[in-house]
Amino acid sequence: MASPLEFHPSPNNPMDMLRTRLDSAPQEHAEAILAAYDILQLLHDRGVLEVIRGALAAGDDLLDTVVNAINTPEAVRALRNLMFWRSVLGQIEPLWFQGIFEAIPEGLSTATAQRDDPITLWRILRRGVTKDSLRGLTAAVDFLESFGRHLNSLEHSVPLRSANPPARS
């Protein structure tokens, strides 16, 4: 009859395996390690690490302060308004905004340059019937019409608050 073969596996030490990987890491990942050192130095130079260290030291106090500041009706309304404006602004083409914001300094410079000229109704009417003025006036009237339509629909969908709340019994 055959005798069984004895097998004695060498003990597997996880720490030895980690040490071997750690020892070979600088050669295998030298470029990545140097890039990480560069990033770390930039964060240190700009004071970001100090801010993070301060935030970690403040810990729960900082979190409590932020939560208390956000947990007010005003902050909740502000966040809701910001989310609303994000959706509204996302629907407007940037080119239209560019036209609006380029017109502001141009209009202000024209208004301040002509401040010594007498303002007459005839001059205003003459400028008001130009193609550009009528186009701007049309855009303003379109906006006001749409705004009024939305106000009207809101008035009919939201119950009005009375000036004198009902007495509690």
Protein backbone atom coordinates (compact mmCIF):
# COMPACT_ATOMS: atom_id res chain seq x y z
CA MET A 1 0.00 0.00 0.00
CA ALA A 2 1.22 3.52 -0.87
CA SER A 3 2.08 5.99 1.81
CA PRO A 4 0.51 9.48 1.68
CA LEU A 5 2.63 12.39 0.53
CA GLU A 6 3.13 15.04 3.12
CA PHE A 7 2.54 18.63 2.00
CA HIS A 8 3.62 21.49 4.20
CA PRO A 9 2.59 24.86 2.65
CA SER A 10 4.78 27.75 3.57
CA PRO A 11 3.02 30.14 5.92
CA ASN A 12 1.49 33.07 4.06
CA ASN A 13 2.17 36.30 5.91
CA PRO A 14 0.03 39.20 4.54
CA MET A 15 2.39 41.77 6.02
CA ASP A 16 5.30 40.36 4.01
CA MET A 17 3.25 40.58 0.82
CA LEU A 18 2.34 44.22 1.56
CA ARG A 19 5.97 45.09 2.35
CA THR A 20 7.09 43.55 -0.95
CA ARG A 21 4.52 45.57 -2.88
CA LEU A 22 5.45 48.74 -0.98
CA ASP A 23 9.15 48.24 -1.67
CA SER A 24 8.55 47.85 -5.41
CA ALA A 25 6.01 50.71 -5.66
CA PRO A 26 8.51 53.60 -6.00
CA GLN A 27 10.09 52.01 -9.07
CA GLU A 28 6.78 51.02 -10.68
CA HIS A 29 4.91 54.26 -9.95
CA ALA A 30 7.70 56.85 -9.76
CA GLU A 31 6.06 59.29 -12.19
CA ALA A 32 2.68 59.16 -10.43
CA ILE A 33 4.29 59.58 -7.01
CA LEU A 34 6.20 62.66 -8.19
CA ALA A 35 2.99 64.13 -9.66
CA ALA A 36 1.22 63.53 -6.32
CA TYR A 37 4.07 65.31 -4.49
CA ASP A 38 3.72 68.27 -6.89
CA ILE A 39 -0.02 68.48 -6.20
CA LEU A 40 0.56 68.23 -2.47
CA GLN A 41 3.13 71.05 -2.62
CA LEU A 42 0.73 73.28 -4.60
CA LEU A 43 -2.04 72.64 -2.06
CA HIS A 44 0.38 73.54 0.72
CA ASP A 45 1.61 76.71 -1.06
CA ARG A 46 -1.94 77.98 -1.58
CA GLY A 47 -2.99 77.26 2.00
CA VAL A 48 -5.59 74.66 1.05
CA LEU A 49 -4.10 72.12 3.45
CA GLU A 50 -4.39 74.63 6.32
CA VAL A 51 -8.06 75.20 5.50
CA ILE A 52 -8.70 71.46 5.43
CA ARG A 53 -6.81 71.01 8.69
CA GLY A 54 -8.89 73.78 10.29
CA ALA A 55 -12.14 72.28 9.02
CA LEU A 56 -11.19 68.87 10.36
CA ALA A 57 -10.22 70.39 13.72
CA ALA A 58 -13.52 72.28 13.92
CA GLY A 59 -15.32 69.05 13.06
CA ASP A 60 -18.80 68.90 14.53
CA ASP A 61 -18.84 72.60 15.48
CA LEU A 62 -18.44 73.60 11.84
CA LEU A 63 -21.10 71.14 10.74
CA ASP A 64 -23.53 72.37 13.43
CA THR A 65 -22.97 75.98 12.36
CA VAL A 66 -23.60 75.19 8.70
CA VAL A 67 -26.71 73.12 9.47
CA ASN A 68 -28.13 75.86 11.74
CA ALA A 69 -27.50 78.51 9.06
CA ILE A 70 -29.18 76.46 6.36
CA ASN A 71 -32.08 75.31 8.52
CA THR A 72 -33.97 78.62 8.35
CA PRO A 73 -37.02 79.43 6.24
CA GLU A 74 -35.07 82.16 4.44
CA ALA A 75 -32.25 79.79 3.47
CA VAL A 76 -34.71 77.16 2.26
CA ARG A 77 -36.50 79.76 0.11
CA ALA A 78 -33.15 81.01 -1.22
CA LEU A 79 -32.11 77.48 -2.22
CA ARG A 80 -35.48 76.87 -3.89
CA ASN A 81 -35.15 80.17 -5.76
CA LEU A 82 -31.62 79.26 -6.89
CA MET A 83 -32.85 75.92 -8.23
CA PHE A 84 -35.70 77.71 -10.01
CA TRP A 85 -33.34 80.28 -11.56
CA ARG A 86 -31.00 77.50 -12.66
CA SER A 87 -33.81 76.01 -14.73
CA VAL A 88 -34.91 79.41 -16.07
CA LEU A 89 -31.39 80.51 -17.02
CA GLY A 90 -30.74 77.12 -18.60
CA GLN A 91 -33.54 77.76 -21.09
CA ILE A 92 -32.13 81.09 -22.30
CA GLU A 93 -29.58 81.13 -25.10
CA PRO A 94 -26.28 82.75 -24.01
CA LEU A 95 -26.34 84.90 -27.15
CA TRP A 96 -29.47 86.70 -25.89
CA PHE A 97 -27.83 87.37 -22.53
CA GLN A 98 -24.80 88.70 -24.32
CA GLY A 99 -27.01 91.18 -26.19
CA ILE A 100 -28.65 92.33 -22.95
CA PHE A 101 -25.42 92.76 -21.04
CA GLU A 102 -23.65 94.51 -23.91
CA ALA A 103 -26.56 96.96 -24.17
CA ILE A 104 -26.34 98.00 -20.50
CA PRO A 105 -22.95 99.82 -20.63
CA GLU A 106 -23.73 101.20 -24.08
CA GLY A 107 -27.05 102.65 -22.88
CA LEU A 108 -25.48 104.07 -19.72
CA SER A 109 -22.65 105.72 -21.64
CA THR A 110 -25.13 107.25 -24.09
CA ALA A 111 -27.31 108.52 -21.25
CA THR A 112 -24.39 110.06 -19.35
CA ALA A 113 -22.80 111.57 -22.49
CA GLN A 114 -26.02 113.41 -23.39
CA ARG A 115 -26.84 114.69 -19.92
CA ASP A 116 -26.13 118.31 -20.88
CA ASP A 117 -28.51 118.17 -23.85
CA PRO A 118 -32.05 119.28 -23.04
CA ILE A 119 -34.54 116.43 -22.73
CA THR A 120 -37.61 117.10 -24.84
CA LEU A 121 -40.65 114.99 -25.52
CA TRP A 122 -40.09 115.36 -29.25
CA ARG A 123 -36.51 113.99 -29.00
CA ILE A 124 -37.72 111.02 -26.94
CA LEU A 125 -40.52 110.29 -29.44
CA ARG A 126 -38.12 110.57 -32.37
CA ARG A 127 -35.73 108.09 -30.75
CA GLY A 128 -38.62 105.89 -29.67
CA VAL A 129 -39.84 105.19 -33.20
CA THR A 130 -36.51 103.93 -34.52
CA LYS A 131 -36.31 100.29 -35.57
CA ASP A 132 -34.05 99.36 -32.62
CA SER A 133 -36.20 101.15 -30.05
CA LEU A 134 -39.39 99.58 -31.37
CA ARG A 135 -37.78 96.14 -31.31
CA GLY A 136 -36.69 96.63 -27.68
CA LEU A 137 -40.13 97.99 -26.78
CA THR A 138 -41.76 94.97 -28.41
CA ALA A 139 -39.53 92.63 -26.39
CA ALA A 140 -40.43 94.51 -23.19
CA VAL A 141 -44.16 94.38 -23.96
CA ASP A 142 -43.90 90.66 -24.78
CA PHE A 143 -42.20 90.10 -21.43
CA LEU A 144 -44.81 92.16 -19.55
CA GLU A 145 -47.66 90.32 -21.29
CA SER A 146 -46.20 86.93 -20.40
CA PHE A 147 -45.50 88.09 -16.83
CA GLY A 148 -49.11 89.25 -16.44
CA ARG A 149 -50.43 85.97 -17.83
CA HIS A 150 -48.35 84.00 -15.31
CA LEU A 151 -49.40 86.30 -12.45
CA ASN A 152 -53.03 85.77 -13.40
CA SER A 153 -52.65 81.98 -13.45
CA LEU A 154 -50.83 82.07 -10.10
CA GLU A 155 -53.58 84.18 -8.51
CA HIS A 156 -56.18 81.60 -9.53
CA SER A 157 -54.15 78.59 -8.40
CA VAL A 158 -52.83 79.85 -5.03
CA PRO A 159 -55.28 80.72 -2.25
CA LEU A 160 -55.01 84.36 -1.30
CA ARG A 161 -53.79 85.22 2.19
CA SER A 162 -56.15 87.53 3.97
CA ALA A 163 -54.89 90.59 5.79
CA ASN A 164 -56.73 89.54 8.96
CA PRO A 165 -56.19 85.86 9.76
CA PRO A 166 -59.26 84.05 11.13
CA ALA A 167 -59.59 84.15 14.91
CA ARG A 168 -58.74 80.92 16.69
CA SER A 169 -61.26 79.57 19.10
